[in-house]
């Protein structure tokens, strides 16, 4: 015998009984009841019986005839040929009036709100959640892939070294003709074109004006006697100020965004920290938090849509027991997500983690 408040589910049974306010209105085979009352569903049959039952109660109340039997009107609609297979309860109107009109008031003690959770209920809820997870393997795999995708996109897009920096070049040797054994071109060929995009100019002042306009990040300036000055410095060991100045590559950078402060040597860390090491901890914590929130919210929505949550409340499950079951199941899922997240963060993208990775988890 199965009791349910989902009427159409009862249609699969061999025999169904329709009960209202503790009274049996009708009992027969589902298809026979549907055909007998000329309805399209068992739910409509039950609704019709409830209307007839309520009308009978109201009529008997108006006539003040509590000795009558209102169930006879309902049961009279059943074909006499099917009396052997049909059963209709017989209850007095007096008991119905007591059931309908009496307001049952109950006061809960303060201790009732703090009942200790039942282990068997929590176990049943855990098995229910595990069954939902098993039936949605694709969703489980997606939950494991989300942190990997998010941290991968973050590490690939944030905190990388700047590339294709636009720089203006003034080469004095190219303007006045390259000397024998030109060293300036050899030096410029060593610059990585993926990091710096060089645009050559024959006028130094024009290159500086374009930097001031914000079109370039700076000017690379090479004097017209660069090659000879390098030879004098390395071969003849000349160290006078003019030789050292001519043998150097001069950079004039746009420093308008620099803060007007003097940065001394740091006590802890390096003078040029990586931004990704600064932002990664917050990103990891955010990913873990929103994954837990999203998965739990999705599970509650699915249970609400499928009626599982309502069935749990009807079965006497408390909110604390539901939360315990969700925490236990989601704990193991969260462990796998954190392991994948820290593995990609530390071992693949080489983000600096000082200390134990287990403490970080």
Protein backbone atom coordinates (compact mmCIF):
# COMPACT_ATOMS: atom_id res chain seq x y z
CA UNK A 1 0.00 0.00 0.00
CA UNK A 2 1.43 3.36 -1.07
CA UNK A 3 0.13 6.72 0.18
CA UNK A 4 0.79 9.74 -2.04
CA UNK A 5 -0.60 13.22 -2.67
CA UNK A 6 0.29 13.00 -6.37
CA UNK A 7 -3.03 11.78 -7.73
CA UNK A 8 -1.92 10.83 -11.23
CA UNK A 9 0.83 8.62 -9.81
CA UNK A 10 -1.86 6.53 -8.13
CA UNK A 11 -3.33 5.76 -11.55
CA UNK A 12 -0.61 3.14 -12.05
CA UNK A 13 -1.97 1.10 -9.13
CA UNK A 14 -4.44 -1.78 -9.46
CA UNK A 15 -6.84 -0.17 -7.04
CA UNK A 16 -7.00 3.38 -5.73
CA UNK A 17 -8.83 5.00 -2.83
CA UNK A 18 -9.65 8.71 -2.79
CA UNK A 19 -9.60 10.21 0.71
CA UNK A 20 -10.60 13.67 1.93
CA UNK A 21 -10.39 14.92 5.51
CA UNK A 22 -9.73 11.40 6.73
CA UNK A 23 -12.73 9.96 4.88
CA UNK A 24 -12.72 7.56 1.96
CA UNK A 25 -14.81 9.08 -0.84
CA UNK A 26 -14.42 6.25 -3.35
CA UNK A 27 -12.35 3.16 -3.97
CA UNK A 28 -12.08 1.29 -7.27
CA UNK A 29 -9.84 0.65 -10.25
CA UNK A 30 -8.45 3.95 -11.61
CA UNK A 31 -9.67 3.48 -15.18
CA UNK A 32 -13.11 2.46 -13.95
CA UNK A 33 -13.41 5.64 -11.88
CA UNK A 34 -12.32 7.80 -14.81
CA UNK A 35 -14.84 6.18 -17.15
CA UNK A 36 -17.60 6.19 -14.57
CA UNK A 37 -17.40 9.94 -13.94
CA UNK A 38 -16.62 10.71 -17.59
CA UNK A 39 -13.42 12.63 -16.80
CA UNK A 40 -10.06 12.74 -18.55
CA UNK A 41 -7.90 12.24 -15.48
CA UNK A 42 -8.07 10.79 -12.01
CA UNK A 43 -7.33 14.22 -10.60
CA UNK A 44 -10.55 15.59 -12.11
CA UNK A 45 -12.46 12.66 -10.61
CA UNK A 46 -11.08 13.47 -7.17
CA UNK A 47 -11.93 17.17 -7.62
CA UNK A 48 -15.49 16.30 -8.59
CA UNK A 49 -15.91 14.04 -5.58
CA UNK A 50 -14.57 16.78 -3.29
CA UNK A 51 -17.05 19.30 -4.73
CA UNK A 52 -19.96 16.91 -4.24
CA UNK A 53 -18.80 16.10 -0.73
CA UNK A 54 -18.49 19.78 0.19
CA UNK A 55 -21.90 20.63 -1.29
CA UNK A 56 -23.44 17.85 0.72
CA UNK A 57 -21.91 19.18 3.91
CA UNK A 58 -23.17 22.71 3.23
CA UNK A 59 -26.69 21.49 2.47
CA UNK A 60 -26.84 19.39 5.61
CA UNK A 61 -25.54 22.31 7.68
CA UNK A 62 -28.26 24.60 6.32
CA UNK A 63 -30.98 22.07 7.06
CA UNK A 64 -29.49 21.37 10.50
CA UNK A 65 -29.80 17.71 9.77
CA UNK A 66 -26.68 16.17 11.20
CA UNK A 67 -28.16 12.68 11.25
CA UNK A 68 -28.13 12.39 7.48
CA UNK A 69 -25.50 10.63 5.53
CA UNK A 70 -23.92 12.80 2.87
CA UNK A 71 -21.80 9.98 1.54
CA UNK A 72 -24.83 8.36 0.01
CA UNK A 73 -25.06 11.11 -2.61
CA UNK A 74 -21.50 10.53 -3.63
CA UNK A 75 -21.79 6.80 -3.63
CA UNK A 76 -25.07 6.89 -5.60
CA UNK A 77 -23.09 8.04 -8.63
CA UNK A 78 -21.37 4.67 -8.73
CA UNK A 79 -23.00 2.14 -11.01
CA UNK A 80 -24.88 -0.57 -9.18
CA UNK A 81 -23.24 -3.19 -11.37
CA UNK A 82 -19.87 -2.30 -9.85
CA UNK A 83 -20.96 -2.31 -6.23
CA UNK A 84 -18.95 -5.44 -5.57
CA UNK A 85 -15.71 -3.75 -6.66
CA UNK A 86 -16.50 -0.28 -5.33
CA UNK A 87 -16.41 0.87 -1.73
CA UNK A 88 -17.61 4.21 -0.36
CA UNK A 89 -17.11 5.12 3.28
CA UNK A 90 -20.02 5.96 5.52
CA UNK A 91 -19.40 8.77 7.95
CA UNK A 92 -21.85 11.08 9.68
CA UNK A 93 -22.02 14.79 8.90
CA UNK A 94 -21.37 15.56 12.52
CA UNK A 95 -17.87 14.17 12.28
CA UNK A 96 -17.34 16.07 9.05
CA UNK A 97 -18.41 19.35 10.60
CA UNK A 98 -16.02 18.81 13.45
CA UNK A 99 -13.21 18.12 10.99
CA UNK A 100 -13.99 21.09 8.75
CA UNK A 101 -14.99 23.77 11.23
CA UNK A 102 -12.76 23.00 14.18
CA UNK A 103 -9.46 24.88 14.17
CA UNK A 104 -6.79 22.76 15.67
CA UNK A 105 -4.34 24.89 17.60
CA UNK A 106 -1.19 23.47 19.01
CA UNK A 107 1.58 25.16 20.87
CA UNK A 108 5.10 24.00 20.32
CA UNK A 109 7.49 23.95 23.15
CA UNK A 110 10.73 25.87 22.87
CA UNK A 111 12.65 22.60 22.81
CA UNK A 112 10.74 21.44 19.70
CA UNK A 113 12.65 23.90 17.55
CA UNK A 114 16.00 22.39 18.57
CA UNK A 115 15.47 18.70 17.97
CA UNK A 116 18.60 16.69 17.39
CA UNK A 117 18.85 15.52 13.75
CA UNK A 118 18.06 11.87 13.09
CA UNK A 119 20.93 9.89 11.60
CA UNK A 120 18.71 7.67 9.47
CA UNK A 121 16.98 10.68 7.91
CA UNK A 122 20.31 12.29 7.10
CA UNK A 123 21.50 9.01 5.58
CA UNK A 124 18.36 8.80 3.44
CA UNK A 125 18.86 12.38 2.24
CA UNK A 126 22.51 11.66 1.44
CA UNK A 127 21.51 8.66 -0.67
CA UNK A 128 18.92 10.81 -2.42
CA UNK A 129 21.53 13.48 -3.25
CA UNK A 130 23.99 10.85 -4.45
CA UNK A 131 21.30 9.39 -6.69
CA UNK A 132 20.71 12.82 -8.20
CA UNK A 133 24.43 13.20 -8.81
CA UNK A 134 24.65 9.76 -10.46
CA UNK A 135 21.78 10.64 -12.76
CA UNK A 136 23.53 13.87 -13.83
CA UNK A 137 27.08 12.75 -14.63
CA UNK A 138 27.40 15.45 -17.28
CA UNK A 139 26.57 18.12 -14.69
CA UNK A 140 29.14 16.64 -12.30
CA UNK A 141 31.85 16.68 -14.99
CA UNK A 142 30.90 20.26 -15.84
CA UNK A 143 31.30 21.23 -12.18
CA UNK A 144 34.81 19.75 -12.19
CA UNK A 145 35.74 21.53 -15.43
CA UNK A 146 34.50 24.98 -14.40
CA UNK A 147 37.34 25.75 -11.91
CA UNK A 148 39.94 24.44 -14.35
CA UNK A 149 38.61 26.63 -17.17
CA UNK A 150 38.29 29.71 -14.95
CA UNK A 151 41.78 29.53 -13.46
CA UNK A 152 43.27 28.75 -16.89
CA UNK A 153 41.65 31.80 -18.48
CA UNK A 154 42.73 33.95 -15.54
CA UNK A 155 46.36 32.84 -15.66
CA UNK A 156 46.53 33.17 -19.46
CA UNK A 157 44.94 36.63 -19.60
CA UNK A 158 45.99 38.36 -16.36
CA UNK A 159 49.49 39.21 -15.16
CA UNK A 160 51.36 38.28 -18.34
CA UNK A 161 54.36 40.25 -19.60
CA UNK A 162 53.50 43.11 -21.93
CA UNK A 163 53.93 42.40 -25.64
CA UNK A 164 54.08 44.50 -28.82
CA UNK A 165 55.10 47.69 -27.03
CA UNK A 166 55.30 50.53 -29.55
CA UNK A 167 58.69 52.29 -29.43
CA UNK A 168 60.15 55.03 -31.64
CA UNK A 169 63.77 54.57 -32.84
CA UNK A 170 66.27 57.26 -33.73
CA UNK A 171 69.49 55.73 -35.10
CA UNK A 172 72.09 58.44 -35.75
CA UNK A 173 74.31 56.00 -37.62
CA UNK A 174 71.54 55.25 -40.13
CA UNK A 175 71.02 58.98 -40.74
CA UNK A 176 74.70 59.73 -41.36
CA UNK A 177 75.52 56.43 -43.07
CA UNK A 178 76.44 53.13 -41.46
CA UNK A 179 80.15 52.79 -40.64
CA UNK A 180 82.24 49.70 -41.26
CA UNK A 181 81.35 46.90 -38.82
CA UNK A 182 78.11 48.57 -37.78
CA UNK A 183 77.22 47.54 -34.23
CA UNK A 184 73.92 49.41 -33.86
CA UNK A 185 72.06 47.14 -36.28
CA UNK A 186 73.48 44.06 -34.59
CA UNK A 187 72.22 45.37 -31.26
CA UNK A 188 68.76 46.17 -32.64
CA UNK A 189 68.46 42.71 -34.20
CA UNK A 190 68.76 41.21 -30.72
CA UNK A 191 65.49 42.87 -29.64
CA UNK A 192 62.55 40.46 -29.56
CA UNK A 193 59.96 41.67 -32.11
CA UNK A 194 57.18 39.95 -30.11
CA UNK A 195 57.77 42.30 -27.19
CA UNK A 196 58.74 45.58 -28.87
CA UNK A 197 57.43 47.06 -32.13
CA UNK A 198 60.04 49.52 -33.44
CA UNK A 199 59.21 52.45 -35.74
CA UNK A 200 62.29 54.25 -37.17
CA UNK A 201 62.53 58.05 -37.45
CA UNK A 202 65.26 60.26 -38.93
CA UNK A 203 64.40 63.21 -36.67
CA UNK A 204 64.89 62.83 -32.91
CA UNK A 205 62.63 65.79 -32.06
CA UNK A 206 59.76 64.36 -34.13
CA UNK A 207 60.06 61.04 -32.30
CA UNK A 208 59.94 62.82 -28.92
CA UNK A 209 56.84 64.80 -29.98
CA UNK A 210 55.01 61.58 -30.87
CA UNK A 211 55.86 60.15 -27.44
CA UNK A 212 54.44 63.27 -25.79
CA UNK A 213 51.26 62.80 -27.83
CA UNK A 214 50.91 59.27 -26.45
CA UNK A 215 51.46 57.40 -29.72
CA UNK A 216 54.60 55.63 -28.48
CA UNK A 217 55.80 54.47 -25.08
CA UNK A 218 59.28 55.93 -25.55
CA UNK A 219 62.24 56.69 -27.82
CA UNK A 220 65.33 54.53 -28.38
CA UNK A 221 68.18 56.86 -29.32
CA UNK A 222 71.57 55.81 -30.78
CA UNK A 223 74.24 58.44 -31.46
CA UNK A 224 75.98 58.72 -34.84
CA UNK A 225 79.36 57.57 -33.41
CA UNK A 226 77.99 54.59 -31.48
CA UNK A 227 80.10 51.93 -33.24
CA UNK A 228 83.37 53.87 -32.90
CA UNK A 229 82.66 54.70 -29.24
CA UNK A 230 82.06 51.02 -28.43
CA UNK A 231 85.37 50.07 -30.07
CA UNK A 232 87.22 52.80 -28.17
CA UNK A 233 85.66 51.63 -24.92
CA UNK A 234 86.33 47.92 -25.35
CA UNK A 235 89.57 47.90 -27.34
CA UNK A 236 91.33 51.10 -26.33
CA UNK A 237 89.78 51.05 -22.83
CA UNK A 238 88.73 54.68 -23.03
CA UNK A 239 86.42 55.57 -20.14
CA UNK A 240 85.99 59.31 -20.52
CA UNK A 241 82.42 60.65 -20.14
CA UNK A 242 82.02 61.39 -23.86
CA UNK A 243 82.97 57.82 -24.85
CA UNK A 244 80.70 56.27 -22.25
CA UNK A 245 77.80 58.47 -23.31
CA UNK A 246 78.25 57.77 -27.04
CA UNK A 247 78.60 53.99 -26.51
CA UNK A 248 75.32 53.75 -24.59
CA UNK A 249 71.81 53.12 -25.86
CA UNK A 250 69.57 55.92 -24.54
CA UNK A 251 65.92 55.41 -23.59
CA UNK A 252 63.45 58.28 -23.21
CA UNK A 253 60.28 56.72 -21.75
CA UNK A 254 56.83 58.12 -21.05
CA UNK A 255 56.89 58.31 -17.24
CA UNK A 256 53.70 60.34 -16.75
CA UNK A 257 51.93 57.46 -14.98
CA UNK A 258 54.64 56.89 -12.37
CA UNK A 259 53.65 57.88 -8.80
CA UNK A 260 55.62 60.79 -7.33
CA UNK A 261 57.15 58.68 -4.56
CA UNK A 262 60.49 57.07 -3.94
CA UNK A 263 60.29 53.27 -3.61
CA UNK A 264 63.05 51.85 -1.43
CA UNK A 265 64.20 48.24 -1.27
CA UNK A 266 61.35 46.05 0.03
CA UNK A 267 61.64 44.29 3.38
CA UNK A 268 59.76 41.24 2.09
CA UNK A 269 59.37 40.20 -1.53
CA UNK A 270 60.91 41.72 -4.64
CA UNK A 271 61.03 45.21 -6.08
CA UNK A 272 59.16 44.09 -9.20
CA UNK A 273 56.39 41.75 -8.00
CA UNK A 274 54.13 39.94 -10.44
CA UNK A 275 50.55 41.08 -10.51
CA UNK A 276 49.29 37.53 -11.03
CA UNK A 277 50.78 36.46 -7.68
CA UNK A 278 48.86 39.31 -6.04
CA UNK A 279 45.50 38.59 -7.71
CA UNK A 280 45.55 34.77 -7.81
CA UNK A 281 44.57 34.12 -4.13
CA UNK A 282 41.47 36.28 -4.41
CA UNK A 283 40.54 34.64 -7.70
CA UNK A 284 40.91 31.14 -6.25
CA UNK A 285 38.76 31.98 -3.21
CA UNK A 286 36.09 33.57 -5.43
CA UNK A 287 35.96 30.53 -7.72
CA UNK A 288 35.54 28.12 -4.79
CA UNK A 289 32.85 30.27 -3.15
CA UNK A 290 30.73 30.79 -6.27
CA UNK A 291 31.04 27.14 -7.29
CA UNK A 292 29.63 26.06 -3.93
CA UNK A 293 26.82 28.60 -4.14
CA UNK A 294 25.93 27.77 -7.73
CA UNK A 295 25.89 23.99 -7.31
CA UNK A 296 23.85 24.08 -4.10
CA UNK A 297 21.35 26.52 -5.59
CA UNK A 298 21.00 24.38 -8.71
CA UNK A 299 20.36 21.24 -6.66
CA UNK A 300 17.63 23.01 -4.65
CA UNK A 301 15.95 24.26 -7.82
CA UNK A 302 15.99 20.77 -9.37
CA UNK A 303 14.56 19.21 -6.20
CA UNK A 304 11.87 21.88 -6.02
CA UNK A 305 10.96 21.38 -9.67
CA UNK A 306 10.78 17.59 -9.35
CA UNK A 307 8.83 17.72 -6.08
CA UNK A 308 11.56 15.98 -4.08
CA UNK A 309 11.93 18.82 -1.61
CA UNK A 310 8.21 18.89 -0.87
CA UNK A 311 8.18 15.14 -0.34
CA UNK A 312 11.03 15.51 2.15
CA UNK A 313 9.08 18.08 4.19
CA UNK A 314 6.00 15.83 4.17
CA UNK A 315 8.12 12.91 5.38
CA UNK A 316 9.04 14.94 8.46
CA UNK A 317 12.55 15.98 7.48
CA UNK A 318 13.80 19.17 9.13
CA UNK A 319 15.81 21.98 7.59
CA UNK A 320 18.88 21.07 9.64
CA UNK A 321 18.82 17.51 8.32
CA UNK A 322 18.56 18.72 4.73
CA UNK A 323 21.49 21.08 5.26
CA UNK A 324 23.62 18.36 6.86
CA UNK A 325 23.01 16.03 3.93
CA UNK A 326 23.91 18.71 1.39
CA UNK A 327 27.05 19.67 3.31
CA UNK A 328 28.29 16.07 3.46
CA UNK A 329 27.69 15.37 -0.25
CA UNK A 330 29.02 18.73 -1.47
CA UNK A 331 32.08 18.41 0.77
CA UNK A 332 33.55 15.57 -1.30
CA UNK A 333 32.71 17.35 -4.56
CA UNK A 334 34.40 20.49 -3.24
CA UNK A 335 37.53 18.53 -2.30
CA UNK A 336 37.96 17.35 -5.90
CA UNK A 337 37.37 20.88 -7.22
CA UNK A 338 39.96 22.37 -4.86
CA UNK A 339 42.53 19.70 -5.78
CA UNK A 340 42.08 20.41 -9.50
CA UNK A 341 42.19 24.16 -8.90
CA UNK A 342 45.41 24.15 -6.86
CA UNK A 343 47.06 21.64 -9.20
CA UNK A 344 46.58 23.91 -12.20
CA UNK A 345 47.52 26.98 -10.15
CA UNK A 346 50.77 25.68 -8.66
CA UNK A 347 52.13 22.99 -10.96
CA UNK A 348 50.95 24.09 -14.41
CA UNK A 349 50.88 27.89 -14.30
CA UNK A 350 53.65 28.12 -11.65
CA UNK A 351 51.92 30.68 -9.46
CA UNK A 352 54.01 31.18 -6.34
CA UNK A 353 52.64 29.48 -3.21
CA UNK A 354 54.86 29.89 -0.16
CA UNK A 355 54.20 27.25 2.45
CA UNK A 356 52.32 23.98 2.41
CA UNK A 357 49.83 23.46 -0.39
CA UNK A 358 47.73 21.33 1.99
CA UNK A 359 47.35 24.31 4.33
CA UNK A 360 46.34 26.42 1.34
CA UNK A 361 43.64 23.87 0.50
